[in-house]
Amino acid sequence: RAYQAIDPTRLSLAGYDDFHAIPDAS
């Protein structure tokens, strides 16, 4: 079957000013 890459927009990591501001749980 075809390799299926995830759509990054589904990961809900947008909107943070800095990568290190992303909560561990997210």
mmCIF file of all heavy atoms, coordinates in Angstrom:
data_MODEL
# 
_entry.id   MODEL 
# 
loop_
_atom_site.group_PDB 
_atom_site.id 
_atom_site.type_symbol 
_atom_site.label_atom_id 
_atom_site.label_alt_id 
_atom_site.label_comp_id 
_atom_site.label_asym_id 
_atom_site.label_entity_id 
_atom_site.label_seq_id 
_atom_site.pdbx_PDB_ins_code 
_atom_site.Cartn_x 
_atom_site.Cartn_y 
_atom_site.Cartn_z 
_atom_site.occupancy 
_atom_site.B_iso_or_equiv 
_atom_site.pdbx_formal_charge 
_atom_site.auth_seq_id 
_atom_site.auth_comp_id 
_atom_site.auth_asym_id 
_atom_site.auth_atom_id 
_atom_site.pdbx_PDB_model_num 
ATOM 1   N N   . ARG A 1 1  ? 0.844  -1.195 0.000  1.00 0.00 ? 1  ARG A N   1 
ATOM 2   C CA  . ARG A 1 1  ? 0.000  0.000  0.000  1.00 0.00 ? 1  ARG A CA  1 
ATOM 3   C C   . ARG A 1 1  ? 0.880  1.245  0.000  1.00 0.00 ? 1  ARG A C   1 
ATOM 4   O O   . ARG A 1 1  ? 2.041  1.197  0.387  1.00 0.00 ? 1  ARG A O   1 
ATOM 5   C CB  . ARG A 1 1  ? -0.928 0.002  1.208  1.00 0.00 ? 1  ARG A CB  1 
ATOM 6   C CG  . ARG A 1 1  ? -0.246 -0.205 2.547  1.00 0.00 ? 1  ARG A CG  1 
ATOM 7   C CD  . ARG A 1 1  ? -1.277 -0.634 3.585  1.00 0.00 ? 1  ARG A CD  1 
ATOM 8   N NE  . ARG A 1 1  ? -0.725 -0.886 4.904  1.00 0.00 ? 1  ARG A NE  1 
ATOM 9   C CZ  . ARG A 1 1  ? -0.205 -2.050 5.278  1.00 0.00 ? 1  ARG A CZ  1 
ATOM 10  N NH1 . ARG A 1 1  ? -0.095 -3.043 4.401  1.00 0.00 ? 1  ARG A NH1 1 
ATOM 11  N NH2 . ARG A 1 1  ? 0.227  -2.222 6.511  1.00 0.00 ? 1  ARG A NH2 1 
ATOM 12  N N   . ALA A 1 2  ? 0.302  2.329  -0.439 1.00 0.00 ? 2  ALA A N   1 
ATOM 13  C CA  . ALA A 1 2  ? 1.060  3.570  -0.563 1.00 0.00 ? 2  ALA A CA  1 
ATOM 14  C C   . ALA A 1 2  ? 1.500  4.086  0.804  1.00 0.00 ? 2  ALA A C   1 
ATOM 15  O O   . ALA A 1 2  ? 0.748  4.004  1.779  1.00 0.00 ? 2  ALA A O   1 
ATOM 16  C CB  . ALA A 1 2  ? 0.210  4.623  -1.264 1.00 0.00 ? 2  ALA A CB  1 
ATOM 17  N N   . TYR A 1 3  ? 2.712  4.603  0.849  1.00 0.00 ? 3  TYR A N   1 
ATOM 18  C CA  . TYR A 1 3  ? 3.182  5.289  2.048  1.00 0.00 ? 3  TYR A CA  1 
ATOM 19  C C   . TYR A 1 3  ? 2.283  6.494  2.283  1.00 0.00 ? 3  TYR A C   1 
ATOM 20  O O   . TYR A 1 3  ? 2.016  7.276  1.373  1.00 0.00 ? 3  TYR A O   1 
ATOM 21  C CB  . TYR A 1 3  ? 4.622  5.756  1.853  1.00 0.00 ? 3  TYR A CB  1 
ATOM 22  C CG  . TYR A 1 3  ? 5.260  6.336  3.103  1.00 0.00 ? 3  TYR A CG  1 
ATOM 23  C CD1 . TYR A 1 3  ? 6.189  5.598  3.826  1.00 0.00 ? 3  TYR A CD1 1 
ATOM 24  C CD2 . TYR A 1 3  ? 4.936  7.616  3.558  1.00 0.00 ? 3  TYR A CD2 1 
ATOM 25  C CE1 . TYR A 1 3  ? 6.781  6.121  4.967  1.00 0.00 ? 3  TYR A CE1 1 
ATOM 26  C CE2 . TYR A 1 3  ? 5.516  8.135  4.698  1.00 0.00 ? 3  TYR A CE2 1 
ATOM 27  C CZ  . TYR A 1 3  ? 6.439  7.386  5.401  1.00 0.00 ? 3  TYR A CZ  1 
ATOM 28  O OH  . TYR A 1 3  ? 7.018  7.908  6.537  1.00 0.00 ? 3  TYR A OH  1 
ATOM 29  N N   . GLN A 1 4  ? 1.823  6.644  3.502  1.00 0.00 ? 4  GLN A N   1 
ATOM 30  C CA  . GLN A 1 4  ? 0.955  7.770  3.840  1.00 0.00 ? 4  GLN A CA  1 
ATOM 31  C C   . GLN A 1 4  ? 1.611  8.619  4.918  1.00 0.00 ? 4  GLN A C   1 
ATOM 32  O O   . GLN A 1 4  ? 1.749  8.190  6.065  1.00 0.00 ? 4  GLN A O   1 
ATOM 33  C CB  . GLN A 1 4  ? -0.420 7.279  4.304  1.00 0.00 ? 4  GLN A CB  1 
ATOM 34  C CG  . GLN A 1 4  ? -1.201 6.601  3.196  1.00 0.00 ? 4  GLN A CG  1 
ATOM 35  C CD  . GLN A 1 4  ? -2.643 6.313  3.578  1.00 0.00 ? 4  GLN A CD  1 
ATOM 36  O OE1 . GLN A 1 4  ? -3.037 6.426  4.724  1.00 0.00 ? 4  GLN A OE1 1 
ATOM 37  N NE2 . GLN A 1 4  ? -3.430 5.942  2.584  1.00 0.00 ? 4  GLN A NE2 1 
ATOM 38  N N   . ALA A 1 5  ? 2.035  9.811  4.522  1.00 0.00 ? 5  ALA A N   1 
ATOM 39  C CA  . ALA A 1 5  ? 2.614  10.762 5.478  1.00 0.00 ? 5  ALA A CA  1 
ATOM 40  C C   . ALA A 1 5  ? 1.497  11.562 6.132  1.00 0.00 ? 5  ALA A C   1 
ATOM 41  O O   . ALA A 1 5  ? 0.487  11.885 5.495  1.00 0.00 ? 5  ALA A O   1 
ATOM 42  C CB  . ALA A 1 5  ? 3.574  11.701 4.755  1.00 0.00 ? 5  ALA A CB  1 
ATOM 43  N N   . ILE A 1 6  ? 1.672  11.883 7.389  1.00 0.00 ? 6  ILE A N   1 
ATOM 44  C CA  . ILE A 1 6  ? 0.660  12.646 8.092  1.00 0.00 ? 6  ILE A CA  1 
ATOM 45  C C   . ILE A 1 6  ? 0.655  14.095 7.619  1.00 0.00 ? 6  ILE A C   1 
ATOM 46  O O   . ILE A 1 6  ? 1.696  14.646 7.229  1.00 0.00 ? 6  ILE A O   1 
ATOM 47  C CB  . ILE A 1 6  ? 0.873  12.574 9.623  1.00 0.00 ? 6  ILE A CB  1 
ATOM 48  C CG1 . ILE A 1 6  ? -0.374 13.067 10.360 1.00 0.00 ? 6  ILE A CG1 1 
ATOM 49  C CG2 . ILE A 1 6  ? 2.117  13.359 10.037 1.00 0.00 ? 6  ILE A CG2 1 
ATOM 50  C CD1 . ILE A 1 6  ? -0.401 12.716 11.815 1.00 0.00 ? 6  ILE A CD1 1 
ATOM 51  N N   . ASP A 1 7  ? -0.490 14.700 7.611  1.00 0.00 ? 7  ASP A N   1 
ATOM 52  C CA  . ASP A 1 7  ? -0.616 16.128 7.325  1.00 0.00 ? 7  ASP A CA  1 
ATOM 53  C C   . ASP A 1 7  ? -0.199 16.887 8.590  1.00 0.00 ? 7  ASP A C   1 
ATOM 54  O O   . ASP A 1 7  ? -0.848 16.756 9.635  1.00 0.00 ? 7  ASP A O   1 
ATOM 55  C CB  . ASP A 1 7  ? -2.068 16.448 6.966  1.00 0.00 ? 7  ASP A CB  1 
ATOM 56  C CG  . ASP A 1 7  ? -2.290 17.926 6.677  1.00 0.00 ? 7  ASP A CG  1 
ATOM 57  O OD1 . ASP A 1 7  ? -1.364 18.727 6.874  1.00 0.00 ? 7  ASP A OD1 1 
ATOM 58  O OD2 . ASP A 1 7  ? -3.423 18.269 6.284  1.00 0.00 ? 7  ASP A OD2 1 
ATOM 59  N N   . PRO A 1 8  ? 0.893  17.665 8.536  1.00 0.00 ? 8  PRO A N   1 
ATOM 60  C CA  . PRO A 1 8  ? 1.361  18.345 9.748  1.00 0.00 ? 8  PRO A CA  1 
ATOM 61  C C   . PRO A 1 8  ? 0.323  19.245 10.404 1.00 0.00 ? 8  PRO A C   1 
ATOM 62  O O   . PRO A 1 8  ? 0.376  19.468 11.629 1.00 0.00 ? 8  PRO A O   1 
ATOM 63  C CB  . PRO A 1 8  ? 2.570  19.155 9.257  1.00 0.00 ? 8  PRO A CB  1 
ATOM 64  C CG  . PRO A 1 8  ? 3.057  18.404 8.064  1.00 0.00 ? 8  PRO A CG  1 
ATOM 65  C CD  . PRO A 1 8  ? 1.814  17.880 7.407  1.00 0.00 ? 8  PRO A CD  1 
ATOM 66  N N   . THR A 1 9  ? -0.640 19.750 9.637  1.00 0.00 ? 9  THR A N   1 
ATOM 67  C CA  . THR A 1 9  ? -1.650 20.622 10.246 1.00 0.00 ? 9  THR A CA  1 
ATOM 68  C C   . THR A 1 9  ? -2.534 19.865 11.235 1.00 0.00 ? 9  THR A C   1 
ATOM 69  O O   . THR A 1 9  ? -3.198 20.478 12.075 1.00 0.00 ? 9  THR A O   1 
ATOM 70  C CB  . THR A 1 9  ? -2.535 21.272 9.166  1.00 0.00 ? 9  THR A CB  1 
ATOM 71  O OG1 . THR A 1 9  ? -3.244 20.253 8.448  1.00 0.00 ? 9  THR A OG1 1 
ATOM 72  C CG2 . THR A 1 9  ? -1.683 22.080 8.190  1.00 0.00 ? 9  THR A CG2 1 
ATOM 73  N N   . ARG A 1 10 ? -2.539 18.538 11.138 1.00 0.00 ? 10 ARG A N   1 
ATOM 74  C CA  . ARG A 1 10 ? -3.334 17.732 12.058 1.00 0.00 ? 10 ARG A CA  1 
ATOM 75  C C   . ARG A 1 10 ? -2.668 17.576 13.424 1.00 0.00 ? 10 ARG A C   1 
ATOM 76  O O   . ARG A 1 10 ? -3.286 17.040 14.352 1.00 0.00 ? 10 ARG A O   1 
ATOM 77  C CB  . ARG A 1 10 ? -3.585 16.345 11.461 1.00 0.00 ? 10 ARG A CB  1 
ATOM 78  C CG  . ARG A 1 10 ? -4.468 16.338 10.226 1.00 0.00 ? 10 ARG A CG  1 
ATOM 79  C CD  . ARG A 1 10 ? -4.551 14.948 9.640  1.00 0.00 ? 10 ARG A CD  1 
ATOM 80  N NE  . ARG A 1 10 ? -4.894 13.943 10.646 1.00 0.00 ? 10 ARG A NE  1 
ATOM 81  C CZ  . ARG A 1 10 ? -4.694 12.633 10.512 1.00 0.00 ? 10 ARG A CZ  1 
ATOM 82  N NH1 . ARG A 1 10 ? -4.158 12.176 9.401  1.00 0.00 ? 10 ARG A NH1 1 
ATOM 83  N NH2 . ARG A 1 10 ? -5.045 11.799 11.465 1.00 0.00 ? 10 ARG A NH2 1 
ATOM 84  N N   . LEU A 1 11 ? -1.431 18.034 13.557 1.00 0.00 ? 11 LEU A N   1 
ATOM 85  C CA  . LEU A 1 11 ? -0.680 17.800 14.788 1.00 0.00 ? 11 LEU A CA  1 
ATOM 86  C C   . LEU A 1 11 ? -0.888 18.896 15.836 1.00 0.00 ? 11 LEU A C   1 
ATOM 87  O O   . LEU A 1 11 ? -0.389 18.778 16.963 1.00 0.00 ? 11 LEU A O   1 
ATOM 88  C CB  . LEU A 1 11 ? 0.813  17.657 14.471 1.00 0.00 ? 11 LEU A CB  1 
ATOM 89  C CG  . LEU A 1 11 ? 1.159  16.495 13.533 1.00 0.00 ? 11 LEU A CG  1 
ATOM 90  C CD1 . LEU A 1 11 ? 2.657  16.469 13.234 1.00 0.00 ? 11 LEU A CD1 1 
ATOM 91  C CD2 . LEU A 1 11 ? 0.714  15.164 14.125 1.00 0.00 ? 11 LEU A CD2 1 
ATOM 92  N N   . SER A 1 12 ? -1.572 19.955 15.472 1.00 0.00 ? 12 SER A N   1 
ATOM 93  C CA  . SER A 1 12 ? -1.975 21.011 16.429 1.00 0.00 ? 12 SER A CA  1 
ATOM 94  C C   . SER A 1 12 ? -0.795 21.623 17.178 1.00 0.00 ? 12 SER A C   1 
ATOM 95  O O   . SER A 1 12 ? -0.837 21.816 18.394 1.00 0.00 ? 12 SER A O   1 
ATOM 96  C CB  . SER A 1 12 ? -2.984 20.439 17.440 1.00 0.00 ? 12 SER A CB  1 
ATOM 97  O OG  . SER A 1 12 ? -4.117 19.926 16.778 1.00 0.00 ? 12 SER A OG  1 
ATOM 98  N N   . LEU A 1 13 ? 0.258  21.936 16.427 1.00 0.00 ? 13 LEU A N   1 
ATOM 99  C CA  . LEU A 1 13 ? 1.415  22.589 17.049 1.00 0.00 ? 13 LEU A CA  1 
ATOM 100 C C   . LEU A 1 13 ? 1.580  24.035 16.580 1.00 0.00 ? 13 LEU A C   1 
ATOM 101 O O   . LEU A 1 13 ? 2.541  24.701 16.964 1.00 0.00 ? 13 LEU A O   1 
ATOM 102 C CB  . LEU A 1 13 ? 2.704  21.816 16.726 1.00 0.00 ? 13 LEU A CB  1 
ATOM 103 C CG  . LEU A 1 13 ? 2.813  20.397 17.284 1.00 0.00 ? 13 LEU A CG  1 
ATOM 104 C CD1 . LEU A 1 13 ? 4.178  19.815 16.958 1.00 0.00 ? 13 LEU A CD1 1 
ATOM 105 C CD2 . LEU A 1 13 ? 2.571  20.367 18.790 1.00 0.00 ? 13 LEU A CD2 1 
ATOM 106 N N   . ALA A 1 14 ? 0.650  24.543 15.784 1.00 0.00 ? 14 ALA A N   1 
ATOM 107 C CA  . ALA A 1 14 ? 0.763  25.912 15.287 1.00 0.00 ? 14 ALA A CA  1 
ATOM 108 C C   . ALA A 1 14 ? 0.313  26.901 16.360 1.00 0.00 ? 14 ALA A C   1 
ATOM 109 O O   . ALA A 1 14 ? -0.415 26.559 17.295 1.00 0.00 ? 14 ALA A O   1 
ATOM 110 C CB  . ALA A 1 14 ? -0.093 26.084 14.032 1.00 0.00 ? 14 ALA A CB  1 
ATOM 111 N N   . GLY A 1 15 ? 0.811  28.151 16.212 1.00 0.00 ? 15 GLY A N   1 
ATOM 112 C CA  . GLY A 1 15 ? 0.346  29.228 17.079 1.00 0.00 ? 15 GLY A CA  1 
ATOM 113 C C   . GLY A 1 15 ? 1.231  29.532 18.267 1.00 0.00 ? 15 GLY A C   1 
ATOM 114 O O   . GLY A 1 15 ? 0.930  30.451 19.040 1.00 0.00 ? 15 GLY A O   1 
ATOM 115 N N   . TYR A 1 16 ? 2.315  28.808 18.428 1.00 0.00 ? 16 TYR A N   1 
ATOM 116 C CA  . TYR A 1 16 ? 3.251  29.083 19.521 1.00 0.00 ? 16 TYR A CA  1 
ATOM 117 C C   . TYR A 1 16 ? 4.385  29.968 19.010 1.00 0.00 ? 16 TYR A C   1 
ATOM 118 O O   . TYR A 1 16 ? 4.871  29.803 17.886 1.00 0.00 ? 16 TYR A O   1 
ATOM 119 C CB  . TYR A 1 16 ? 3.809  27.777 20.088 1.00 0.00 ? 16 TYR A CB  1 
ATOM 120 C CG  . TYR A 1 16 ? 2.759  26.919 20.770 1.00 0.00 ? 16 TYR A CG  1 
ATOM 121 C CD1 . TYR A 1 16 ? 2.127  25.878 20.076 1.00 0.00 ? 16 TYR A CD1 1 
ATOM 122 C CD2 . TYR A 1 16 ? 2.381  27.163 22.082 1.00 0.00 ? 16 TYR A CD2 1 
ATOM 123 C CE1 . TYR A 1 16 ? 1.155  25.096 20.684 1.00 0.00 ? 16 TYR A CE1 1 
ATOM 124 C CE2 . TYR A 1 16 ? 1.410  26.385 22.700 1.00 0.00 ? 16 TYR A CE2 1 
ATOM 125 C CZ  . TYR A 1 16 ? 0.808  25.357 21.994 1.00 0.00 ? 16 TYR A CZ  1 
ATOM 126 O OH  . TYR A 1 16 ? -0.159 24.583 22.604 1.00 0.00 ? 16 TYR A OH  1 
ATOM 127 N N   . ASP A 1 17 ? 4.816  30.894 19.851 1.00 0.00 ? 17 ASP A N   1 
ATOM 128 C CA  . ASP A 1 17 ? 5.881  31.813 19.450 1.00 0.00 ? 17 ASP A CA  1 
ATOM 129 C C   . ASP A 1 17 ? 7.227  31.113 19.337 1.00 0.00 ? 17 ASP A C   1 
ATOM 130 O O   . ASP A 1 17 ? 8.116  31.576 18.618 1.00 0.00 ? 17 ASP A O   1 
ATOM 131 C CB  . ASP A 1 17 ? 5.998  32.963 20.459 1.00 0.00 ? 17 ASP A CB  1 
ATOM 132 C CG  . ASP A 1 17 ? 4.780  33.870 20.438 1.00 0.00 ? 17 ASP A CG  1 
ATOM 133 O OD1 . ASP A 1 17 ? 4.115  33.932 19.379 1.00 0.00 ? 17 ASP A OD1 1 
ATOM 134 O OD2 . ASP A 1 17 ? 4.493  34.500 21.477 1.00 0.00 ? 17 ASP A OD2 1 
ATOM 135 N N   . ASP A 1 18 ? 7.367  30.015 20.056 1.00 0.00 ? 18 ASP A N   1 
ATOM 136 C CA  . ASP A 1 18 ? 8.656  29.329 20.119 1.00 0.00 ? 18 ASP A CA  1 
ATOM 137 C C   . ASP A 1 18 ? 8.389  27.838 20.291 1.00 0.00 ? 18 ASP A C   1 
ATOM 138 O O   . ASP A 1 18 ? 7.434  27.447 20.964 1.00 0.00 ? 18 ASP A O   1 
ATOM 139 C CB  . ASP A 1 18 ? 9.480  29.872 21.298 1.00 0.00 ? 18 ASP A CB  1 
ATOM 140 C CG  . ASP A 1 18 ? 10.859 29.250 21.375 1.00 0.00 ? 18 ASP A CG  1 
ATOM 141 O OD1 . ASP A 1 18 ? 11.774 29.774 20.720 1.00 0.00 ? 18 ASP A OD1 1 
ATOM 142 O OD2 . ASP A 1 18 ? 11.016 28.233 22.078 1.00 0.00 ? 18 ASP A OD2 1 
ATOM 143 N N   . PHE A 1 19 ? 9.228  26.998 19.698 1.00 0.00 ? 19 PHE A N   1 
ATOM 144 C CA  . PHE A 1 19 ? 9.038  25.557 19.825 1.00 0.00 ? 19 PHE A CA  1 
ATOM 145 C C   . PHE A 1 19 ? 9.047  25.123 21.284 1.00 0.00 ? 19 PHE A C   1 
ATOM 146 O O   . PHE A 1 19 ? 8.316  24.211 21.677 1.00 0.00 ? 19 PHE A O   1 
ATOM 147 C CB  . PHE A 1 19 ? 10.135 24.809 19.057 1.00 0.00 ? 19 PHE A CB  1 
ATOM 148 C CG  . PHE A 1 19 ? 9.875  23.334 18.888 1.00 0.00 ? 19 PHE A CG  1 
ATOM 149 C CD1 . PHE A 1 19 ? 9.135  22.863 17.811 1.00 0.00 ? 19 PHE A CD1 1 
ATOM 150 C CD2 . PHE A 1 19 ? 10.378 22.418 19.800 1.00 0.00 ? 19 PHE A CD2 1 
ATOM 151 C CE1 . PHE A 1 19 ? 8.882  21.506 17.662 1.00 0.00 ? 19 PHE A CE1 1 
ATOM 152 C CE2 . PHE A 1 19 ? 10.136 21.063 19.652 1.00 0.00 ? 19 PHE A CE2 1 
ATOM 153 C CZ  . PHE A 1 19 ? 9.386  20.601 18.577 1.00 0.00 ? 19 PHE A CZ  1 
ATOM 154 N N   . HIS A 1 20 ? 9.852  25.794 22.083 1.00 0.00 ? 20 HIS A N   1 
ATOM 155 C CA  . HIS A 1 20 ? 9.976  25.414 23.492 1.00 0.00 ? 20 HIS A CA  1 
ATOM 156 C C   . HIS A 1 20 ? 8.775  25.861 24.319 1.00 0.00 ? 20 HIS A C   1 
ATOM 157 O O   . HIS A 1 20 ? 8.648  25.470 25.484 1.00 0.00 ? 20 HIS A O   1 
ATOM 158 C CB  . HIS A 1 20 ? 11.278 25.978 24.070 1.00 0.00 ? 20 HIS A CB  1 
ATOM 159 C CG  . HIS A 1 20 ? 12.486 25.458 23.341 1.00 0.00 ? 20 HIS A CG  1 
ATOM 160 N ND1 . HIS A 1 20 ? 12.999 24.201 23.538 1.00 0.00 ? 20 HIS A ND1 1 
ATOM 161 C CD2 . HIS A 1 20 ? 13.264 26.039 22.383 1.00 0.00 ? 20 HIS A CD2 1 
ATOM 162 C CE1 . HIS A 1 20 ? 14.041 24.013 22.743 1.00 0.00 ? 20 HIS A CE1 1 
ATOM 163 N NE2 . HIS A 1 20 ? 14.221 25.123 22.034 1.00 0.00 ? 20 HIS A NE2 1 
ATOM 164 N N   . ALA A 1 21 ? 7.892  26.653 23.724 1.00 0.00 ? 21 ALA A N   1 
ATOM 165 C CA  . ALA A 1 21 ? 6.664  27.043 24.422 1.00 0.00 ? 21 ALA A CA  1 
ATOM 166 C C   . ALA A 1 21 ? 5.562  25.990 24.275 1.00 0.00 ? 21 ALA A C   1 
ATOM 167 O O   . ALA A 1 21 ? 4.532  26.069 24.955 1.00 0.00 ? 21 ALA A O   1 
ATOM 168 C CB  . ALA A 1 21 ? 6.164  28.382 23.881 1.00 0.00 ? 21 ALA A CB  1 
ATOM 169 N N   . ILE A 1 22 ? 5.792  25.023 23.413 1.00 0.00 ? 22 ILE A N   1 
ATOM 170 C CA  . ILE A 1 22 ? 4.789  23.967 23.225 1.00 0.00 ? 22 ILE A CA  1 
ATOM 171 C C   . ILE A 1 22 ? 4.739  23.110 24.490 1.00 0.00 ? 22 ILE A C   1 
ATOM 172 O O   . ILE A 1 22 ? 5.770  22.598 24.938 1.00 0.00 ? 22 ILE A O   1 
ATOM 173 C CB  . ILE A 1 22 ? 5.146  23.089 22.013 1.00 0.00 ? 22 ILE A CB  1 
ATOM 174 C CG1 . ILE A 1 22 ? 5.184  23.937 20.731 1.00 0.00 ? 22 ILE A CG1 1 
ATOM 175 C CG2 . ILE A 1 22 ? 4.156  21.943 21.861 1.00 0.00 ? 22 ILE A CG2 1 
ATOM 176 C CD1 . ILE A 1 22 ? 5.721  23.187 19.527 1.00 0.00 ? 22 ILE A CD1 1 
ATOM 177 N N   . PRO A 1 23 ? 3.589  22.924 25.086 1.00 0.00 ? 23 PRO A N   1 
ATOM 178 C CA  . PRO A 1 23 ? 3.498  22.078 26.288 1.00 0.00 ? 23 PRO A CA  1 
ATOM 179 C C   . PRO A 1 23 ? 3.911  20.632 25.985 1.00 0.00 ? 23 PRO A C   1 
ATOM 180 O O   . PRO A 1 23 ? 3.729  20.139 24.873 1.00 0.00 ? 23 PRO A O   1 
ATOM 181 C CB  . PRO A 1 23 ? 2.017  22.146 26.666 1.00 0.00 ? 23 PRO A CB  1 
ATOM 182 C CG  . PRO A 1 23 ? 1.506  23.389 25.991 1.00 0.00 ? 23 PRO A CG  1 
ATOM 183 C CD  . PRO A 1 23 ? 2.294  23.529 24.736 1.00 0.00 ? 23 PRO A CD  1 
ATOM 184 N N   . ASP A 1 24 ? 4.468  19.976 26.993 1.00 0.00 ? 24 ASP A N   1 
ATOM 185 C CA  . ASP A 1 24 ? 4.881  18.581 26.813 1.00 0.00 ? 24 ASP A CA  1 
ATOM 186 C C   . ASP A 1 24 ? 3.730  17.716 26.317 1.00 0.00 ? 24 ASP A C   1 
ATOM 187 O O   . ASP A 1 24 ? 3.910  16.874 25.428 1.00 0.00 ? 24 ASP A O   1 
ATOM 188 C CB  . ASP A 1 24 ? 5.408  18.014 28.142 1.00 0.00 ? 24 ASP A CB  1 
ATOM 189 C CG  . ASP A 1 24 ? 6.805  18.518 28.479 1.00 0.00 ? 24 ASP A CG  1 
ATOM 190 O OD1 . ASP A 1 24 ? 7.444  19.141 27.606 1.00 0.00 ? 24 ASP A OD1 1 
ATOM 191 O OD2 . ASP A 1 24 ? 7.246  18.265 29.615 1.00 0.00 ? 24 ASP A OD2 1 
ATOM 192 N N   . ALA A 1 25 ? 2.561  17.908 26.874 1.00 0.00 ? 25 ALA A N   1 
ATOM 193 C CA  . ALA A 1 25 ? 1.421  17.073 26.495 1.00 0.00 ? 25 ALA A CA  1 
ATOM 194 C C   . ALA A 1 25 ? 1.075  17.244 25.017 1.00 0.00 ? 25 ALA A C   1 
ATOM 195 O O   . ALA A 1 25 ? 0.745  16.264 24.323 1.00 0.00 ? 25 ALA A O   1 
ATOM 196 C CB  . ALA A 1 25 ? 0.210  17.401 27.357 1.00 0.00 ? 25 ALA A CB  1 
ATOM 197 N N   . SER A 1 26 ? 1.177  18.471 24.509 1.00 0.00 ? 26 SER A N   1 
ATOM 198 C CA  . SER A 1 26 ? 0.874  18.719 23.095 1.00 0.00 ? 26 SER A CA  1 
ATOM 199 C C   . SER A 1 26 ? 1.943  18.104 22.197 1.00 0.00 ? 26 SER A C   1 
ATOM 200 O O   . SER A 1 26 ? 1.635  17.525 21.143 1.00 0.00 ? 26 SER A O   1 
ATOM 201 C CB  . SER A 1 26 ? 0.764  20.224 22.841 1.00 0.00 ? 26 SER A CB  1 
ATOM 202 O OG  . SER A 1 26 ? -0.297 20.785 23.574 1.00 0.00 ? 26 SER A OG  1 
# 
